[in-house]
Amino acid sequence: MRGLHILAELHGCTCEARLLREVEPLRKLCLAACAGAGLTIVAEAFHGFPAAGEAGAAGATGAVVLAESHLAVHTWPELDAATLDIYVCNFSQDNRAAAEAAYAALHAAFSPRQAVRRDVVRGELART
C-alpha cells in the first residue's frame, strides 16, 4: 500500500470564477487530472452549494474514487480558495508520480497565488 497522500490549500486562486463556483467545470477538471495522471476512475460524486440571495453558486465539492485510492476537492469562491486531498497508492508499485501529476494539473488550473502543501508518505513501516 505504498503511496503518497497530498493535502493542499490553494489561496488566492486566479482561475476563472466558474471553476470555483460551478460543479461541471470542477468535475471535468478533476476527471481530466486523474486521467492525465494515468489513474483509474471507478466512481465520482460532485455537489454544488447554492448561495443565499443573488450571489450565485457558493462553491462545489467533489470526490473521485480511484482504483489507486481517491481525489477530493472543495472550493470556497468567496475566499478564492480550494482544498485538495489526493491519495494514490498501490501494493506492487510506487505511484507517487501519478499523485504528483494530478496535483500539478489541479494546481495549474486553479492558479493560486499561494499554496500550502503537506505530503504524507503512507505504507512505510518505521524501522526499529
N, C-alpha and C. Protein backbone atom coordinates (compact mmCIF):
# COMPACT_ATOMS: atom_id res chain seq x y z
N MET A 1 0.80 -1.20 0.00
CA MET A 1 0.00 0.00 0.00
C MET A 1 0.84 1.26 0.00
N ARG A 2 2.04 1.18 -0.50
CA ARG A 2 2.89 2.36 -0.58
C ARG A 2 2.19 3.46 -1.35
N GLY A 3 2.29 4.69 -0.83
CA GLY A 3 1.64 5.76 -1.55
C GLY A 3 1.98 7.13 -1.01
N LEU A 4 1.48 8.11 -1.72
CA LEU A 4 1.66 9.50 -1.36
C LEU A 4 0.29 10.13 -1.16
N HIS A 5 0.11 10.78 -0.02
CA HIS A 5 -1.13 11.49 0.29
C HIS A 5 -0.78 12.97 0.32
N ILE A 6 -1.31 13.72 -0.64
CA ILE A 6 -1.05 15.15 -0.74
C ILE A 6 -2.28 15.90 -0.22
N LEU A 7 -2.05 16.76 0.76
CA LEU A 7 -3.09 17.64 1.30
C LEU A 7 -2.66 19.06 0.98
N ALA A 8 -3.53 19.84 0.37
CA ALA A 8 -3.13 21.19 -0.02
C ALA A 8 -4.28 22.18 0.10
N GLU A 9 -3.92 23.39 0.51
CA GLU A 9 -4.84 24.52 0.49
C GLU A 9 -4.32 25.50 -0.55
N LEU A 10 -5.18 25.90 -1.45
CA LEU A 10 -4.82 26.83 -2.51
C LEU A 10 -5.52 28.16 -2.22
N HIS A 11 -4.73 29.21 -2.03
CA HIS A 11 -5.26 30.52 -1.66
C HIS A 11 -5.05 31.53 -2.78
N GLY A 12 -6.01 32.44 -2.92
CA GLY A 12 -5.90 33.47 -3.95
C GLY A 12 -5.93 32.90 -5.35
N CYS A 13 -6.82 31.95 -5.58
CA CYS A 13 -6.91 31.31 -6.90
C CYS A 13 -7.29 32.36 -7.96
N THR A 14 -6.54 32.39 -9.04
CA THR A 14 -6.77 33.36 -10.10
C THR A 14 -7.42 32.72 -11.33
N CYS A 15 -7.95 31.54 -11.15
CA CYS A 15 -8.63 30.83 -12.24
C CYS A 15 -9.95 31.53 -12.58
N GLU A 16 -10.58 31.07 -13.64
CA GLU A 16 -11.90 31.55 -13.99
C GLU A 16 -12.84 31.28 -12.81
N ALA A 17 -13.67 32.23 -12.44
CA ALA A 17 -14.54 32.12 -11.26
C ALA A 17 -15.44 30.89 -11.30
N ARG A 18 -15.88 30.51 -12.47
CA ARG A 18 -16.81 29.37 -12.54
C ARG A 18 -16.17 28.06 -12.08
N LEU A 19 -14.84 27.94 -12.15
CA LEU A 19 -14.18 26.73 -11.65
C LEU A 19 -14.36 26.59 -10.15
N LEU A 20 -14.44 27.70 -9.45
CA LEU A 20 -14.67 27.67 -8.00
C LEU A 20 -16.15 27.61 -7.64
N ARG A 21 -17.02 28.04 -8.55
CA ARG A 21 -18.45 28.17 -8.23
C ARG A 21 -19.33 27.04 -8.76
N GLU A 22 -18.95 26.42 -9.86
CA GLU A 22 -19.85 25.50 -10.55
C GLU A 22 -19.33 24.07 -10.54
N VAL A 23 -20.28 23.15 -10.45
CA VAL A 23 -19.93 21.72 -10.38
C VAL A 23 -19.29 21.21 -11.66
N GLU A 24 -19.88 21.50 -12.80
CA GLU A 24 -19.42 20.85 -14.04
C GLU A 24 -17.98 21.20 -14.42
N PRO A 25 -17.56 22.45 -14.34
CA PRO A 25 -16.14 22.72 -14.63
C PRO A 25 -15.21 22.02 -13.63
N LEU A 26 -15.61 21.98 -12.36
CA LEU A 26 -14.79 21.30 -11.35
C LEU A 26 -14.73 19.80 -11.65
N ARG A 27 -15.86 19.22 -11.99
CA ARG A 27 -15.92 17.79 -12.33
C ARG A 27 -15.00 17.46 -13.51
N LYS A 28 -15.11 18.24 -14.58
CA LYS A 28 -14.29 18.00 -15.76
C LYS A 28 -12.81 18.11 -15.44
N LEU A 29 -12.44 19.10 -14.64
CA LEU A 29 -11.04 19.28 -14.25
C LEU A 29 -10.54 18.07 -13.47
N CYS A 30 -11.30 17.64 -12.48
CA CYS A 30 -10.87 16.52 -11.64
C CYS A 30 -10.71 15.23 -12.45
N LEU A 31 -11.68 14.96 -13.31
CA LEU A 31 -11.60 13.74 -14.13
C LEU A 31 -10.42 13.82 -15.09
N ALA A 32 -10.20 14.98 -15.67
CA ALA A 32 -9.07 15.14 -16.60
C ALA A 32 -7.74 15.01 -15.86
N ALA A 33 -7.64 15.57 -14.65
CA ALA A 33 -6.40 15.47 -13.88
C ALA A 33 -6.09 14.02 -13.54
N CYS A 34 -7.10 13.27 -13.17
CA CYS A 34 -6.90 11.85 -12.85
C CYS A 34 -6.52 11.05 -14.09
N ALA A 35 -7.27 11.24 -15.16
CA ALA A 35 -6.99 10.51 -16.39
C ALA A 35 -5.61 10.87 -16.94
N GLY A 36 -5.27 12.15 -16.91
CA GLY A 36 -3.98 12.59 -17.40
C GLY A 36 -2.81 12.02 -16.60
N ALA A 37 -3.07 11.70 -15.33
CA ALA A 37 -2.03 11.11 -14.48
C ALA A 37 -1.96 9.59 -14.62
N GLY A 38 -2.85 9.04 -15.46
CA GLY A 38 -2.87 7.59 -15.67
C GLY A 38 -3.58 6.83 -14.57
N LEU A 39 -4.45 7.51 -13.84
CA LEU A 39 -5.18 6.86 -12.75
C LEU A 39 -6.49 6.28 -13.26
N THR A 40 -6.99 5.26 -12.55
CA THR A 40 -8.18 4.54 -12.96
C THR A 40 -9.39 5.02 -12.17
N ILE A 41 -10.31 5.71 -12.83
CA ILE A 41 -11.51 6.24 -12.19
C ILE A 41 -12.55 5.13 -12.08
N VAL A 42 -13.08 4.92 -10.86
CA VAL A 42 -14.11 3.89 -10.66
C VAL A 42 -15.44 4.48 -10.23
N ALA A 43 -15.46 5.70 -9.68
CA ALA A 43 -16.72 6.35 -9.29
C ALA A 43 -16.45 7.83 -9.07
N GLU A 44 -17.52 8.61 -9.03
CA GLU A 44 -17.40 10.04 -8.78
C GLU A 44 -18.66 10.56 -8.13
N ALA A 45 -18.51 11.62 -7.34
CA ALA A 45 -19.65 12.32 -6.75
C ALA A 45 -19.28 13.80 -6.63
N PHE A 46 -20.15 14.66 -7.13
CA PHE A 46 -19.93 16.11 -7.07
C PHE A 46 -21.21 16.79 -6.63
N HIS A 47 -21.06 17.90 -5.92
CA HIS A 47 -22.22 18.62 -5.39
C HIS A 47 -21.92 20.11 -5.40
N GLY A 48 -22.91 20.89 -5.83
CA GLY A 48 -22.79 22.34 -5.80
C GLY A 48 -23.61 22.90 -4.66
N PHE A 49 -23.12 23.97 -4.05
CA PHE A 49 -23.82 24.61 -2.94
C PHE A 49 -24.45 25.91 -3.42
N PRO A 50 -25.77 26.05 -3.27
CA PRO A 50 -26.41 27.30 -3.69
C PRO A 50 -26.10 28.42 -2.70
N ALA A 51 -25.94 29.61 -3.23
CA ALA A 51 -25.68 30.78 -2.39
C ALA A 51 -27.00 31.38 -1.96
N ALA A 52 -26.97 32.06 -0.86
CA ALA A 52 -28.15 32.79 -0.41
C ALA A 52 -28.29 34.05 -1.27
N GLY A 53 -29.49 34.38 -1.62
CA GLY A 53 -29.72 35.60 -2.39
C GLY A 53 -29.29 35.47 -3.83
N GLU A 54 -28.76 36.53 -4.39
CA GLU A 54 -28.42 36.59 -5.80
C GLU A 54 -26.94 36.44 -6.07
N ALA A 55 -26.20 35.93 -5.11
CA ALA A 55 -24.74 35.88 -5.23
C ALA A 55 -24.25 34.80 -6.18
N GLY A 56 -25.13 33.92 -6.63
CA GLY A 56 -24.68 32.82 -7.48
C GLY A 56 -24.27 31.63 -6.64
N ALA A 57 -23.62 30.68 -7.24
CA ALA A 57 -23.22 29.47 -6.54
C ALA A 57 -22.22 29.77 -5.44
N ALA A 58 -22.30 28.97 -4.38
CA ALA A 58 -21.43 29.19 -3.22
C ALA A 58 -20.32 28.16 -3.14
N GLY A 59 -20.01 27.53 -4.22
CA GLY A 59 -18.91 26.58 -4.22
C GLY A 59 -19.35 25.18 -4.57
N ALA A 60 -18.38 24.31 -4.64
CA ALA A 60 -18.63 22.93 -5.03
C ALA A 60 -17.67 22.02 -4.30
N THR A 61 -18.07 20.78 -4.21
CA THR A 61 -17.21 19.76 -3.63
C THR A 61 -17.30 18.53 -4.51
N GLY A 62 -16.23 17.79 -4.57
CA GLY A 62 -16.26 16.61 -5.41
C GLY A 62 -15.25 15.57 -4.95
N ALA A 63 -15.57 14.34 -5.26
CA ALA A 63 -14.68 13.23 -4.95
C ALA A 63 -14.65 12.28 -6.14
N VAL A 64 -13.45 11.82 -6.42
CA VAL A 64 -13.25 10.81 -7.46
C VAL A 64 -12.64 9.60 -6.77
N VAL A 65 -13.33 8.48 -6.85
CA VAL A 65 -12.80 7.24 -6.30
C VAL A 65 -11.96 6.59 -7.38
N LEU A 66 -10.75 6.25 -7.00
CA LEU A 66 -9.79 5.68 -7.93
C LEU A 66 -9.46 4.24 -7.55
N ALA A 67 -9.11 3.44 -8.50
CA ALA A 67 -8.61 2.10 -8.18
C ALA A 67 -7.38 2.25 -7.28
N GLU A 68 -6.66 3.36 -7.45
CA GLU A 68 -5.44 3.62 -6.69
C GLU A 68 -5.72 4.40 -5.39
N SER A 69 -6.93 4.86 -5.14
CA SER A 69 -7.42 5.49 -3.91
C SER A 69 -8.40 6.60 -4.23
N HIS A 70 -8.04 7.91 -4.04
CA HIS A 70 -9.05 8.95 -4.22
C HIS A 70 -8.47 10.34 -4.46
N LEU A 71 -9.37 11.21 -4.94
CA LEU A 71 -9.12 12.65 -5.06
C LEU A 71 -10.37 13.34 -4.51
N ALA A 72 -10.19 14.31 -3.64
CA ALA A 72 -11.30 15.12 -3.15
C ALA A 72 -10.92 16.59 -3.28
N VAL A 73 -11.88 17.41 -3.72
CA VAL A 73 -11.65 18.85 -3.90
C VAL A 73 -12.85 19.59 -3.32
N HIS A 74 -12.56 20.67 -2.62
CA HIS A 74 -13.61 21.53 -2.07
C HIS A 74 -13.25 22.97 -2.42
N THR A 75 -14.24 23.76 -2.85
CA THR A 75 -13.97 25.14 -3.25
C THR A 75 -14.70 26.12 -2.35
N TRP A 76 -14.08 27.28 -2.18
CA TRP A 76 -14.65 28.41 -1.45
C TRP A 76 -14.50 29.65 -2.33
N PRO A 77 -15.47 29.90 -3.22
CA PRO A 77 -15.33 31.05 -4.13
C PRO A 77 -15.27 32.39 -3.40
N GLU A 78 -15.93 32.48 -2.26
CA GLU A 78 -15.90 33.74 -1.52
C GLU A 78 -14.51 34.05 -0.97
N LEU A 79 -13.65 33.04 -0.91
CA LEU A 79 -12.28 33.21 -0.45
C LEU A 79 -11.26 33.03 -1.59
N ASP A 80 -11.75 32.77 -2.80
CA ASP A 80 -10.87 32.43 -3.93
C ASP A 80 -9.93 31.29 -3.52
N ALA A 81 -10.51 30.23 -2.93
CA ALA A 81 -9.69 29.17 -2.36
C ALA A 81 -10.27 27.79 -2.71
N ALA A 82 -9.39 26.81 -2.61
CA ALA A 82 -9.78 25.41 -2.80
C ALA A 82 -8.87 24.54 -1.92
N THR A 83 -9.40 23.39 -1.52
CA THR A 83 -8.57 22.42 -0.82
C THR A 83 -8.53 21.14 -1.63
N LEU A 84 -7.39 20.47 -1.58
CA LEU A 84 -7.18 19.24 -2.33
C LEU A 84 -6.76 18.13 -1.38
N ASP A 85 -7.22 16.94 -1.66
CA ASP A 85 -6.82 15.73 -0.93
C ASP A 85 -6.62 14.66 -2.00
N ILE A 86 -5.37 14.33 -2.25
CA ILE A 86 -5.03 13.35 -3.29
C ILE A 86 -4.25 12.22 -2.63
N TYR A 87 -4.79 11.02 -2.69
CA TYR A 87 -4.07 9.86 -2.17
C TYR A 87 -3.98 8.84 -3.28
N VAL A 88 -2.76 8.48 -3.61
CA VAL A 88 -2.51 7.48 -4.65
C VAL A 88 -1.59 6.42 -4.07
N CYS A 89 -2.05 5.18 -4.11
CA CYS A 89 -1.25 4.09 -3.54
C CYS A 89 -1.35 2.87 -4.46
N ASN A 90 -0.50 1.90 -4.17
CA ASN A 90 -0.50 0.65 -4.92
C ASN A 90 0.33 -0.36 -4.15
N PHE A 91 -0.08 -1.60 -4.17
CA PHE A 91 0.64 -2.64 -3.45
C PHE A 91 1.94 -3.01 -4.15
N SER A 92 1.89 -3.08 -5.48
CA SER A 92 3.03 -3.64 -6.22
C SER A 92 3.98 -2.61 -6.83
N GLN A 93 3.59 -1.33 -6.84
CA GLN A 93 4.49 -0.34 -7.44
C GLN A 93 4.31 1.00 -6.75
N ASP A 94 5.26 1.87 -6.93
CA ASP A 94 5.22 3.20 -6.35
C ASP A 94 4.54 4.14 -7.34
N ASN A 95 3.36 4.63 -6.99
CA ASN A 95 2.60 5.50 -7.88
C ASN A 95 2.68 6.97 -7.47
N ARG A 96 3.74 7.34 -6.78
CA ARG A 96 3.87 8.73 -6.33
C ARG A 96 3.87 9.70 -7.50
N ALA A 97 4.44 9.30 -8.61
CA ALA A 97 4.49 10.19 -9.78
C ALA A 97 3.08 10.52 -10.27
N ALA A 98 2.15 9.59 -10.15
CA ALA A 98 0.77 9.85 -10.56
C ALA A 98 0.12 10.88 -9.64
N ALA A 99 0.38 10.78 -8.34
CA ALA A 99 -0.14 11.78 -7.40
C ALA A 99 0.42 13.15 -7.73
N GLU A 100 1.72 13.22 -8.02
CA GLU A 100 2.36 14.49 -8.37
C GLU A 100 1.76 15.07 -9.66
N ALA A 101 1.50 14.21 -10.64
CA ALA A 101 0.94 14.68 -11.91
C ALA A 101 -0.48 15.23 -11.72
N ALA A 102 -1.29 14.54 -10.93
CA ALA A 102 -2.65 15.03 -10.66
C ALA A 102 -2.59 16.36 -9.92
N TYR A 103 -1.71 16.46 -8.93
CA TYR A 103 -1.57 17.71 -8.18
C TYR A 103 -1.13 18.85 -9.11
N ALA A 104 -0.17 18.59 -9.96
CA ALA A 104 0.33 19.62 -10.87
C ALA A 104 -0.78 20.14 -11.78
N ALA A 105 -1.62 19.25 -12.27
CA ALA A 105 -2.72 19.65 -13.15
C ALA A 105 -3.73 20.52 -12.40
N LEU A 106 -4.07 20.13 -11.18
CA LEU A 106 -5.02 20.90 -10.39
C LEU A 106 -4.43 22.25 -9.98
N HIS A 107 -3.19 22.25 -9.55
CA HIS A 107 -2.52 23.49 -9.16
C HIS A 107 -2.48 24.47 -10.33
N ALA A 108 -2.13 23.98 -11.50
CA ALA A 108 -2.07 24.84 -12.68
C ALA A 108 -3.45 25.40 -13.02
N ALA A 109 -4.49 24.60 -12.92
CA ALA A 109 -5.83 25.05 -13.28
C ALA A 109 -6.36 26.10 -12.30
N PHE A 110 -6.15 25.90 -11.01
CA PHE A 110 -6.62 26.86 -10.01
C PHE A 110 -5.74 28.10 -9.95
N SER A 111 -4.48 27.97 -10.32
CA SER A 111 -3.52 29.07 -10.38
C SER A 111 -3.54 29.93 -9.10
N PRO A 112 -3.19 29.31 -7.97
CA PRO A 112 -3.22 30.05 -6.72
C PRO A 112 -2.03 31.00 -6.58
N ARG A 113 -2.26 32.07 -5.85
CA ARG A 113 -1.15 32.97 -5.51
C ARG A 113 -0.27 32.34 -4.44
N GLN A 114 -0.90 31.52 -3.61
CA GLN A 114 -0.16 30.84 -2.55
C GLN A 114 -0.75 29.45 -2.35
N ALA A 115 0.11 28.48 -2.09
CA ALA A 115 -0.34 27.11 -1.80
C ALA A 115 0.39 26.61 -0.56
N VAL A 116 -0.36 25.94 0.28
CA VAL A 116 0.21 25.27 1.44
C VAL A 116 0.00 23.78 1.20
N ARG A 117 1.09 23.04 1.13
CA ARG A 117 1.03 21.61 0.80
C ARG A 117 1.69 20.79 1.90
N ARG A 118 1.03 19.70 2.24
CA ARG A 118 1.58 18.75 3.20
C ARG A 118 1.56 17.38 2.54
N ASP A 119 2.69 16.69 2.56
CA ASP A 119 2.79 15.35 1.98
C ASP A 119 2.91 14.33 3.11
N VAL A 120 2.16 13.27 2.97
CA VAL A 120 2.24 12.16 3.91
C VAL A 120 2.61 10.92 3.10
N VAL A 121 3.76 10.35 3.40
CA VAL A 121 4.16 9.10 2.75
C VAL A 121 3.49 8.00 3.56
N ARG A 122 2.75 7.15 2.87
CA ARG A 122 1.99 6.11 3.57
C ARG A 122 2.49 4.73 3.19
N GLY A 123 2.30 3.80 4.09
CA GLY A 123 2.62 2.41 3.83
C GLY A 123 4.06 2.01 4.13
N GLU A 124 4.81 2.91 4.71
CA GLU A 124 6.20 2.58 5.07
C GLU A 124 6.27 2.40 6.58
N LEU A 125 6.64 1.22 7.00
CA LEU A 125 6.75 0.94 8.43
C LEU A 125 8.04 1.52 8.96
N ALA A 126 7.96 2.08 10.16
CA ALA A 126 9.18 2.60 10.80
C ALA A 126 10.08 1.42 11.18
N ARG A 127 11.33 1.60 10.93
CA ARG A 127 12.31 0.54 11.28
C ARG A 127 12.76 0.76 12.72
N THR A 128 12.74 -0.31 13.48
CA THR A 128 13.17 -0.20 14.89
C THR A 128 14.38 -1.06 15.14
